Amino acid sequence: MDNNASERAIRGFCVGMKNWQMIDTINGAQSSAIIYSIAETAKANNLKPHEYFEYLLTEIPKHMGDTDRSFLDNQVPWSEMLPESIRKPKKIN
């Protein structure tokens, strides 16, 4: 068992950190890490990250008044309920 895939996933983040002067607080670093984690999880689940974030930012506000958060089960990157428009096309071998 190895962690090569996870190391490759965070490589771009680690390389770019030197250029990200805006991350000068703990909260900024935590927020950046959360967003990066969501993007990489989306990629790992064959989603288009930009389209996935756009989808989340339009769907989640529709439920802001809800006390039941079960709708989030359908928003996770591995959910089968996500629209096909945010999925990467399947490669044909």
PDB file of N, CA and C in Angstrom:
ATOM      1  N   MET A   1       0.840  -1.157   0.000  1.00  0.00           N
ATOM      2  CA  MET A   1       0.000   0.000   0.000  1.00  0.00           C
ATOM      3  C   MET A   1       0.900   1.239   0.000  1.00  0.00           C
ATOM      4  N   ASP A   2       0.551   2.218  -0.829  1.00  0.00           N
ATOM      5  CA  ASP A   2       1.351   3.444  -0.868  1.00  0.00           C
ATOM      6  C   ASP A   2       0.424   4.660  -0.942  1.00  0.00           C
ATOM      7  N   ASN A   3       1.021   5.810  -0.857  1.00  0.00           N
ATOM      8  CA  ASN A   3       0.236   7.040  -0.908  1.00  0.00           C
ATOM      9  C   ASN A   3       0.647   7.914  -2.092  1.00  0.00           C
ATOM     10  N   ASN A   4       1.120   7.289  -3.157  1.00  0.00           N
ATOM     11  CA  ASN A   4       1.580   8.041  -4.327  1.00  0.00           C
ATOM     12  C   ASN A   4       0.478   8.932  -4.915  1.00  0.00           C
ATOM     13  N   ALA A   5      -0.742   8.414  -4.986  1.00  0.00           N
ATOM     14  CA  ALA A   5      -1.838   9.198  -5.570  1.00  0.00           C
ATOM     15  C   ALA A   5      -2.102  10.451  -4.739  1.00  0.00           C
ATOM     16  N   SER A   6      -2.098  10.319  -3.428  1.00  0.00           N
ATOM     17  CA  SER A   6      -2.352  11.497  -2.587  1.00  0.00           C
ATOM     18  C   SER A   6      -1.191  12.479  -2.665  1.00  0.00           C
ATOM     19  N   GLU A   7       0.026  11.986  -2.762  1.00  0.00           N
ATOM     20  CA  GLU A   7       1.181  12.876  -2.898  1.00  0.00           C
ATOM     21  C   GLU A   7       1.137  13.633  -4.224  1.00  0.00           C
ATOM     22  N   ARG A   8       0.742  12.950  -5.300  1.00  0.00           N
ATOM     23  CA  ARG A   8       0.611  13.628  -6.595  1.00  0.00           C
ATOM     24  C   ARG A   8      -0.494  14.677  -6.542  1.00  0.00           C
ATOM     25  N   ALA A   9      -1.567  14.373  -5.814  1.00  0.00           N
ATOM     26  CA  ALA A   9      -2.702  15.291  -5.741  1.00  0.00           C
ATOM     27  C   ALA A   9      -2.327  16.604  -5.050  1.00  0.00           C
ATOM     28  N   ILE A  10      -1.482  16.549  -4.041  1.00  0.00           N
ATOM     29  CA  ILE A  10      -1.146  17.772  -3.307  1.00  0.00           C
ATOM     30  C   ILE A  10       0.114  18.456  -3.826  1.00  0.00           C
ATOM     31  N   ARG A  11       0.782  17.872  -4.791  1.00  0.00           N
ATOM     32  CA  ARG A  11       2.031  18.436  -5.298  1.00  0.00           C
ATOM     33  C   ARG A  11       1.849  19.867  -5.801  1.00  0.00           C
ATOM     34  N   GLY A  12       0.826  20.097  -6.612  1.00  0.00           N
ATOM     35  CA  GLY A  12       0.578  21.438  -7.143  1.00  0.00           C
ATOM     36  C   GLY A  12       0.329  22.444  -6.037  1.00  0.00           C
ATOM     37  N   PHE A  13      -0.361  22.019  -5.015  1.00  0.00           N
ATOM     38  CA  PHE A  13      -0.624  22.896  -3.875  1.00  0.00           C
ATOM     39  C   PHE A  13       0.674  23.262  -3.171  1.00  0.00           C
ATOM     40  N   CYS A  14       1.516  22.290  -2.929  1.00  0.00           N
ATOM     41  CA  CYS A  14       2.779  22.536  -2.229  1.00  0.00           C
ATOM     42  C   CYS A  14       3.728  23.401  -3.059  1.00  0.00           C
ATOM     43  N   VAL A  15       3.786  23.158  -4.344  1.00  0.00           N
ATOM     44  CA  VAL A  15       4.649  23.951  -5.216  1.00  0.00           C
ATOM     45  C   VAL A  15       4.161  25.392  -5.268  1.00  0.00           C
ATOM     46  N   GLY A  16       2.860  25.590  -5.323  1.00  0.00           N
ATOM     47  CA  GLY A  16       2.299  26.929  -5.440  1.00  0.00           C
ATOM     48  C   GLY A  16       2.285  27.736  -4.160  1.00  0.00           C
ATOM     49  N   MET A  17       2.486  27.099  -3.015  1.00  0.00           N
ATOM     50  CA  MET A  17       2.397  27.821  -1.739  1.00  0.00           C
ATOM     51  C   MET A  17       3.332  29.025  -1.667  1.00  0.00           C
ATOM     52  N   LYS A  18       4.508  28.910  -2.256  1.00  0.00           N
ATOM     53  CA  LYS A  18       5.456  30.027  -2.205  1.00  0.00           C
ATOM     54  C   LYS A  18       4.909  31.268  -2.916  1.00  0.00           C
ATOM     55  N   ASN A  19       4.036  31.062  -3.874  1.00  0.00           N
ATOM     56  CA  ASN A  19       3.493  32.175  -4.642  1.00  0.00           C
ATOM     57  C   ASN A  19       2.219  32.756  -4.045  1.00  0.00           C
ATOM     58  N   TRP A  20       1.686  32.112  -3.055  1.00  0.00           N
ATOM     59  CA  TRP A  20       0.402  32.527  -2.508  1.00  0.00           C
ATOM     60  C   TRP A  20       0.602  33.396  -1.272  1.00  0.00           C
ATOM     61  N   GLN A  21       0.978  34.628  -1.488  1.00  0.00           N
ATOM     62  CA  GLN A  21       1.229  35.549  -0.384  1.00  0.00           C
ATOM     63  C   GLN A  21      -0.053  35.934   0.348  1.00  0.00           C
ATOM     64  N   MET A  22      -1.199  35.722  -0.296  1.00  0.00           N
ATOM     65  CA  MET A  22      -2.461  36.105   0.331  1.00  0.00           C
ATOM     66  C   MET A  22      -2.815  35.198   1.502  1.00  0.00           C
ATOM     67  N   ILE A  23      -2.207  34.042   1.577  1.00  0.00           N
ATOM     68  CA  ILE A  23      -2.493  33.129   2.681  1.00  0.00           C
ATOM     69  C   ILE A  23      -1.535  33.467   3.821  1.00  0.00           C
ATOM     70  N   ASP A  24      -1.888  34.504   4.557  1.00  0.00           N
ATOM     71  CA  ASP A  24      -1.003  34.950   5.627  1.00  0.00           C
ATOM     72  C   ASP A  24      -1.635  34.796   7.007  1.00  0.00           C
ATOM     73  N   THR A  25      -2.775  34.106   7.055  1.00  0.00           N
ATOM     74  CA  THR A  25      -3.421  33.860   8.340  1.00  0.00           C
ATOM     75  C   THR A  25      -3.783  32.388   8.454  1.00  0.00           C
ATOM     76  N   ILE A  26      -4.021  31.953   9.664  1.00  0.00           N
ATOM     77  CA  ILE A  26      -4.444  30.569   9.896  1.00  0.00           C
ATOM     78  C   ILE A  26      -5.779  30.313   9.206  1.00  0.00           C
ATOM     79  N   ASN A  27      -6.714  31.246   9.329  1.00  0.00           N
ATOM     80  CA  ASN A  27      -8.026  31.067   8.691  1.00  0.00           C
ATOM     81  C   ASN A  27      -7.905  31.003   7.173  1.00  0.00           C
ATOM     82  N   GLY A  28      -7.033  31.822   6.596  1.00  0.00           N
ATOM     83  CA  GLY A  28      -6.820  31.787   5.155  1.00  0.00           C
ATOM     84  C   GLY A  28      -6.242  30.458   4.712  1.00  0.00           C
ATOM     85  N   ALA A  29      -5.311  29.942   5.475  1.00  0.00           N
ATOM     86  CA  ALA A  29      -4.700  28.647   5.151  1.00  0.00           C
ATOM     87  C   ALA A  29      -5.716  27.520   5.288  1.00  0.00           C
ATOM     88  N   GLN A  30      -6.542  27.565   6.329  1.00  0.00           N
ATOM     89  CA  GLN A  30      -7.555  26.529   6.517  1.00  0.00           C
ATOM     90  C   GLN A  30      -8.584  26.569   5.394  1.00  0.00           C
ATOM     91  N   SER A  31      -9.018  27.763   5.029  1.00  0.00           N
ATOM     92  CA  SER A  31      -9.996  27.903   3.941  1.00  0.00           C
ATOM     93  C   SER A  31      -9.418  27.403   2.628  1.00  0.00           C
ATOM     94  N   SER A  32      -8.185  27.761   2.361  1.00  0.00           N
ATOM     95  CA  SER A  32      -7.515  27.324   1.141  1.00  0.00           C
ATOM     96  C   SER A  32      -7.399  25.802   1.105  1.00  0.00           C
ATOM     97  N   ALA A  33      -7.037  25.212   2.226  1.00  0.00           N
ATOM     98  CA  ALA A  33      -6.895  23.750   2.298  1.00  0.00           C
ATOM     99  C   ALA A  33      -8.229  23.055   2.073  1.00  0.00           C
ATOM    100  N   ILE A  34      -9.301  23.602   2.616  1.00  0.00           N
ATOM    101  CA  ILE A  34     -10.627  23.007   2.433  1.00  0.00           C
ATOM    102  C   ILE A  34     -11.032  23.049   0.964  1.00  0.00           C
ATOM    103  N   ILE A  35     -10.869  24.202   0.343  1.00  0.00           N
ATOM    104  CA  ILE A  35     -11.243  24.348  -1.070  1.00  0.00           C
ATOM    105  C   ILE A  35     -10.399  23.430  -1.942  1.00  0.00           C
ATOM    106  N   TYR A  36      -9.107  23.375  -1.667  1.00  0.00           N
ATOM    107  CA  TYR A  36      -8.223  22.512  -2.447  1.00  0.00           C
ATOM    108  C   TYR A  36      -8.601  21.044  -2.265  1.00  0.00           C
ATOM    109  N   SER A  37      -8.950  20.658  -1.047  1.00  0.00           N
ATOM    110  CA  SER A  37      -9.354  19.284  -0.774  1.00  0.00           C
ATOM    111  C   SER A  37     -10.623  18.912  -1.540  1.00  0.00           C
ATOM    112  N   ILE A  38     -11.585  19.828  -1.567  1.00  0.00           N
ATOM    113  CA  ILE A  38     -12.827  19.573  -2.314  1.00  0.00           C
ATOM    114  C   ILE A  38     -12.519  19.440  -3.804  1.00  0.00           C
ATOM    115  N   ALA A  39     -11.671  20.304  -4.336  1.00  0.00           N
ATOM    116  CA  ALA A  39     -11.320  20.253  -5.759  1.00  0.00           C
ATOM    117  C   ALA A  39     -10.627  18.937  -6.101  1.00  0.00           C
ATOM    118  N   GLU A  40      -9.677  18.517  -5.278  1.00  0.00           N
ATOM    119  CA  GLU A  40      -8.956  17.273  -5.555  1.00  0.00           C
ATOM    120  C   GLU A  40      -9.856  16.047  -5.400  1.00  0.00           C
ATOM    121  N   THR A  41     -10.794  16.092  -4.458  1.00  0.00           N
ATOM    122  CA  THR A  41     -11.748  14.989  -4.300  1.00  0.00           C
ATOM    123  C   THR A  41     -12.669  14.931  -5.510  1.00  0.00           C
ATOM    124  N   ALA A  42     -13.054  16.087  -6.024  1.00  0.00           N
ATOM    125  CA  ALA A  42     -13.873  16.124  -7.241  1.00  0.00           C
ATOM    126  C   ALA A  42     -13.115  15.507  -8.409  1.00  0.00           C
ATOM    127  N   LYS A  43     -11.837  15.882  -8.576  1.00  0.00           N
ATOM    128  CA  LYS A  43     -11.019  15.303  -9.650  1.00  0.00           C
ATOM    129  C   LYS A  43     -10.900  13.794  -9.506  1.00  0.00           C
ATOM    130  N   ALA A  44     -10.689  13.332  -8.272  1.00  0.00           N
ATOM    131  CA  ALA A  44     -10.541  11.896  -8.023  1.00  0.00           C
ATOM    132  C   ALA A  44     -11.820  11.127  -8.341  1.00  0.00           C
ATOM    133  N   ASN A  45     -12.956  11.825  -8.332  1.00  0.00           N
ATOM    134  CA  ASN A  45     -14.235  11.196  -8.648  1.00  0.00           C
ATOM    135  C   ASN A  45     -14.712  11.534 -10.052  1.00  0.00           C
ATOM    136  N   ASN A  46     -13.759  11.921 -10.923  1.00  0.00           N
ATOM    137  CA  ASN A  46     -14.028  12.207 -12.336  1.00  0.00           C
ATOM    138  C   ASN A  46     -15.054  13.310 -12.564  1.00  0.00           C
ATOM    139  N   LEU A  47     -14.967  14.340 -11.730  1.00  0.00           N
ATOM    140  CA  LEU A  47     -15.805  15.515 -11.916  1.00  0.00           C
ATOM    141  C   LEU A  47     -14.949  16.653 -12.454  1.00  0.00           C
ATOM    142  N   LYS A  48     -15.593  17.595 -13.105  1.00  0.00           N
ATOM    143  CA  LYS A  48     -14.918  18.822 -13.536  1.00  0.00           C
ATOM    144  C   LYS A  48     -14.991  19.787 -12.351  1.00  0.00           C
ATOM    145  N   PRO A  49     -13.855  20.110 -11.717  1.00  0.00           N
ATOM    146  CA  PRO A  49     -13.885  20.905 -10.483  1.00  0.00           C
ATOM    147  C   PRO A  49     -14.619  22.245 -10.610  1.00  0.00           C
ATOM    148  N   HIS A  50     -14.390  22.986 -11.684  1.00  0.00           N
ATOM    149  CA  HIS A  50     -15.052  24.293 -11.834  1.00  0.00           C
ATOM    150  C   HIS A  50     -16.563  24.119 -11.886  1.00  0.00           C
ATOM    151  N   GLU A  51     -17.023  23.175 -12.681  1.00  0.00           N
ATOM    152  CA  GLU A  51     -18.455  22.934 -12.809  1.00  0.00           C
ATOM    153  C   GLU A  51     -19.037  22.408 -11.501  1.00  0.00           C
ATOM    154  N   TYR A  52     -18.264  21.594 -10.765  1.00  0.00           N
ATOM    155  CA  TYR A  52     -18.725  21.070  -9.484  1.00  0.00           C
ATOM    156  C   TYR A  52     -18.910  22.202  -8.474  1.00  0.00           C
ATOM    157  N   PHE A  53     -17.929  23.117  -8.373  1.00  0.00           N
ATOM    158  CA  PHE A  53     -18.067  24.251  -7.465  1.00  0.00           C
ATOM    159  C   PHE A  53     -19.251  25.124  -7.865  1.00  0.00           C
ATOM    160  N   GLU A  54     -19.419  25.341  -9.150  1.00  0.00           N
ATOM    161  CA  GLU A  54     -20.548  26.141  -9.635  1.00  0.00           C
ATOM    162  C   GLU A  54     -21.867  25.487  -9.238  1.00  0.00           C
ATOM    163  N   TYR A  55     -21.930  24.169  -9.402  1.00  0.00           N
ATOM    164  CA  TYR A  55     -23.126  23.412  -9.014  1.00  0.00           C
ATOM    165  C   TYR A  55     -23.394  23.564  -7.513  1.00  0.00           C
ATOM    166  N   LEU A  56     -22.361  23.384  -6.683  1.00  0.00           N
ATOM    167  CA  LEU A  56     -22.529  23.510  -5.236  1.00  0.00           C
ATOM    168  C   LEU A  56     -22.999  24.904  -4.843  1.00  0.00           C
ATOM    169  N   LEU A  57     -22.404  25.915  -5.474  1.00  0.00           N
ATOM    170  CA  LEU A  57     -22.732  27.296  -5.112  1.00  0.00           C
ATOM    171  C   LEU A  57     -24.121  27.727  -5.578  1.00  0.00           C
ATOM    172  N   THR A  58     -24.737  26.959  -6.467  1.00  0.00           N
ATOM    173  CA  THR A  58     -26.125  27.250  -6.851  1.00  0.00           C
ATOM    174  C   THR A  58     -27.116  26.378  -6.085  1.00  0.00           C
ATOM    175  N   GLU A  59     -26.713  25.172  -5.718  1.00  0.00           N
ATOM    176  CA  GLU A  59     -27.629  24.253  -5.032  1.00  0.00           C
ATOM    177  C   GLU A  59     -27.693  24.476  -3.523  1.00  0.00           C
ATOM    178  N   ILE A  60     -26.578  24.669  -2.879  1.00  0.00           N
ATOM    179  CA  ILE A  60     -26.566  24.787  -1.411  1.00  0.00           C
ATOM    180  C   ILE A  60     -27.389  25.986  -0.927  1.00  0.00           C
ATOM    181  N   PRO A  61     -27.306  27.158  -1.574  1.00  0.00           N
ATOM    182  CA  PRO A  61     -28.135  28.282  -1.096  1.00  0.00           C
ATOM    183  C   PRO A  61     -29.644  28.007  -1.128  1.00  0.00           C
ATOM    184  N   LYS A  62     -30.076  27.089  -1.969  1.00  0.00           N
ATOM    185  CA  LYS A  62     -31.499  26.742  -2.029  1.00  0.00           C
ATOM    186  C   LYS A  62     -31.975  26.085  -0.742  1.00  0.00           C
ATOM    187  N   HIS A  63     -31.051  25.584   0.067  1.00  0.00           N
ATOM    188  CA  HIS A  63     -31.394  24.839   1.282  1.00  0.00           C
ATOM    189  C   HIS A  63     -30.965  25.560   2.560  1.00  0.00           C
ATOM    190  N   MET A  64     -30.610  26.827   2.452  1.00  0.00           N
ATOM    191  CA  MET A  64     -30.090  27.543   3.619  1.00  0.00           C
ATOM    192  C   MET A  64     -31.093  27.614   4.770  1.00  0.00           C
ATOM    193  N   GLY A  65     -32.356  27.617   4.485  1.00  0.00           N
ATOM    194  CA  GLY A  65     -33.368  27.678   5.535  1.00  0.00           C
ATOM    195  C   GLY A  65     -33.718  26.317   6.113  1.00  0.00           C
ATOM    196  N   ASP A  66     -33.238  25.250   5.508  1.00  0.00           N
ATOM    197  CA  ASP A  66     -33.553  23.903   5.968  1.00  0.00           C
ATOM    198  C   ASP A  66     -32.814  23.582   7.263  1.00  0.00           C
ATOM    199  N   THR A  67     -33.486  22.862   8.151  1.00  0.00           N
ATOM    200  CA  THR A  67     -32.795  22.363   9.348  1.00  0.00           C
ATOM    201  C   THR A  67     -32.266  20.952   9.088  1.00  0.00           C
ATOM    202  N   ASP A  68     -32.855  20.281   8.110  1.00  0.00           N
ATOM    203  CA  ASP A  68     -32.414  18.941   7.731  1.00  0.00           C
ATOM    204  C   ASP A  68     -31.301  19.069   6.689  1.00  0.00           C
ATOM    205  N   ARG A  69     -30.149  18.581   6.997  1.00  0.00           N
ATOM    206  CA  ARG A  69     -28.989  18.690   6.104  1.00  0.00           C
ATOM    207  C   ARG A  69     -28.771  17.419   5.278  1.00  0.00           C
ATOM    208  N   SER A  70     -29.741  16.540   5.222  1.00  0.00           N
ATOM    209  CA  SER A  70     -29.583  15.290   4.479  1.00  0.00           C
ATOM    210  C   SER A  70     -29.414  15.510   2.980  1.00  0.00           C
ATOM    211  N   PHE A  71     -29.821  16.685   2.476  1.00  0.00           N
ATOM    212  CA  PHE A  71     -29.638  16.978   1.054  1.00  0.00           C
ATOM    213  C   PHE A  71     -28.158  16.939   0.668  1.00  0.00           C
ATOM    214  N   LEU A  72     -27.266  17.160   1.636  1.00  0.00           N
ATOM    215  CA  LEU A  72     -25.828  17.165   1.360  1.00  0.00           C
ATOM    216  C   LEU A  72     -25.320  15.798   0.915  1.00  0.00           C
ATOM    217  N   ASP A  73     -26.037  14.728   1.277  1.00  0.00           N
ATOM    218  CA  ASP A  73     -25.636  13.389   0.840  1.00  0.00           C
ATOM    219  C   ASP A  73     -25.613  13.280  -0.677  1.00  0.00           C
ATOM    220  N   ASN A  74     -26.445  14.055  -1.341  1.00  0.00           N
ATOM    221  CA  ASN A  74     -26.498  14.032  -2.810  1.00  0.00           C
ATOM    222  C   ASN A  74     -25.526  15.014  -3.450  1.00  0.00           C
ATOM    223  N   GLN A  75     -24.805  15.791  -2.645  1.00  0.00           N
ATOM    224  CA  GLN A  75     -23.892  16.800  -3.170  1.00  0.00           C
ATOM    225  C   GLN A  75     -22.426  16.377  -3.109  1.00  0.00           C
ATOM    226  N   VAL A  76     -22.120  15.303  -2.393  1.00  0.00           N
ATOM    227  CA  VAL A  76     -20.727  14.869  -2.262  1.00  0.00           C
ATOM    228  C   VAL A  76     -20.204  14.384  -3.615  1.00  0.00           C
ATOM    229  N   PRO A  77     -18.900  14.498  -3.860  1.00  0.00           N
ATOM    230  CA  PRO A  77     -18.347  14.181  -5.183  1.00  0.00           C
ATOM    231  C   PRO A  77     -18.592  12.750  -5.665  1.00  0.00           C
ATOM    232  N   TRP A  78     -18.814  11.818  -4.790  1.00  0.00           N
ATOM    233  CA  TRP A  78     -19.009  10.427  -5.192  1.00  0.00           C
ATOM    234  C   TRP A  78     -20.487  10.065  -5.332  1.00  0.00           C
ATOM    235  N   SER A  79     -21.368  11.044  -5.178  1.00  0.00           N
ATOM    236  CA  SER A  79     -22.800  10.780  -5.283  1.00  0.00           C
ATOM    237  C   SER A  79     -23.199  10.457  -6.714  1.00  0.00           C
ATOM    238  N   GLU A  80     -24.041   9.473  -6.856  1.00  0.00           N
ATOM    239  CA  GLU A  80     -24.585   9.110  -8.170  1.00  0.00           C
ATOM    240  C   GLU A  80     -25.670  10.093  -8.612  1.00  0.00           C
ATOM    241  N   MET A  81     -26.114  10.951  -7.697  1.00  0.00           N
ATOM    242  CA  MET A  81     -27.205  11.888  -7.979  1.00  0.00           C
ATOM    243  C   MET A  81     -26.719  13.182  -8.642  1.00  0.00           C
ATOM    244  N   LEU A  82     -25.426  13.367  -8.769  1.00  0.00           N
ATOM    245  CA  LEU A  82     -24.896  14.578  -9.395  1.00  0.00           C
ATOM    246  C   LEU A  82     -25.226  14.574 -10.888  1.00  0.00           C
ATOM    247  N   PRO A  83     -25.439  15.747 -11.465  1.00  0.00           N
ATOM    248  CA  PRO A  83     -25.774  15.800 -12.893  1.00  0.00           C
ATOM    249  C   PRO A  83     -24.596  15.383 -13.783  1.00  0.00           C
ATOM    250  N   GLU A  84     -24.913  14.815 -14.909  1.00  0.00           N
ATOM    251  CA  GLU A  84     -23.888  14.369 -15.859  1.00  0.00           C
ATOM    252  C   GLU A  84     -23.069  15.529 -16.403  1.00  0.00           C
ATOM    253  N   SER A  85     -23.626  16.719 -16.413  1.00  0.00           N
ATOM    254  CA  SER A  85     -22.931  17.876 -16.981  1.00  0.00           C
ATOM    255  C   SER A  85     -21.653  18.248 -16.216  1.00  0.00           C
ATOM    256  N   ILE A  86     -21.530  17.805 -14.974  1.00  0.00           N
ATOM    257  CA  ILE A  86     -20.333  18.124 -14.214  1.00  0.00           C
ATOM    258  C   ILE A  86     -19.331  16.973 -14.193  1.00  0.00           C
ATOM    259  N   ARG A  87     -19.679  15.884 -14.847  1.00  0.00           N
ATOM    260  CA  ARG A  87     -18.788  14.723 -14.914  1.00  0.00           C
ATOM    261  C   ARG A  87     -17.880  14.821 -16.139  1.00  0.00           C
ATOM    262  N   LYS A  88     -16.659  14.328 -15.984  1.00  0.00           N
ATOM    263  CA  LYS A  88     -15.752  14.259 -17.131  1.00  0.00           C
ATOM    264  C   LYS A  88     -16.233  13.138 -18.038  1.00  0.00           C
ATOM    265  N   PRO A  89     -16.052  13.287 -19.344  1.00  0.00           N
ATOM    266  CA  PRO A  89     -16.450  12.216 -20.253  1.00  0.00           C
ATOM    267  C   PRO A  89     -15.623  10.963 -19.979  1.00  0.00           C
ATOM    268  N   LYS A  90     -16.261   9.828 -20.107  1.00  0.00           N
ATOM    269  CA  LYS A  90     -15.569   8.567 -19.887  1.00  0.00           C
ATOM    270  C   LYS A  90     -14.634   8.297 -21.064  1.00  0.00           C
ATOM    271  N   LYS A  91     -13.433   7.843 -20.723  1.00  0.00           N
ATOM    272  CA  LYS A  91     -12.464   7.523 -21.770  1.00  0.00           C
ATOM    273  C   LYS A  91     -12.799   6.167 -22.376  1.00  0.00           C
ATOM    274  N   ILE A  92     -12.726   6.139 -23.689  1.00  0.00           N
ATOM    275  CA  ILE A  92     -12.967   4.888 -24.412  1.00  0.00           C
ATOM    276  C   ILE A  92     -11.619   4.328 -24.823  1.00  0.00           C
ATOM    277  N   ASN A  93     -11.356   3.113 -24.408  1.00  0.00           N
ATOM    278  CA  ASN A  93     -10.048   2.492 -24.725  1.00  0.00           C
ATOM    279  C   ASN A  93     -10.083   1.825 -26.057  1.00  0.00           C
TER     280      ASN A  93
END
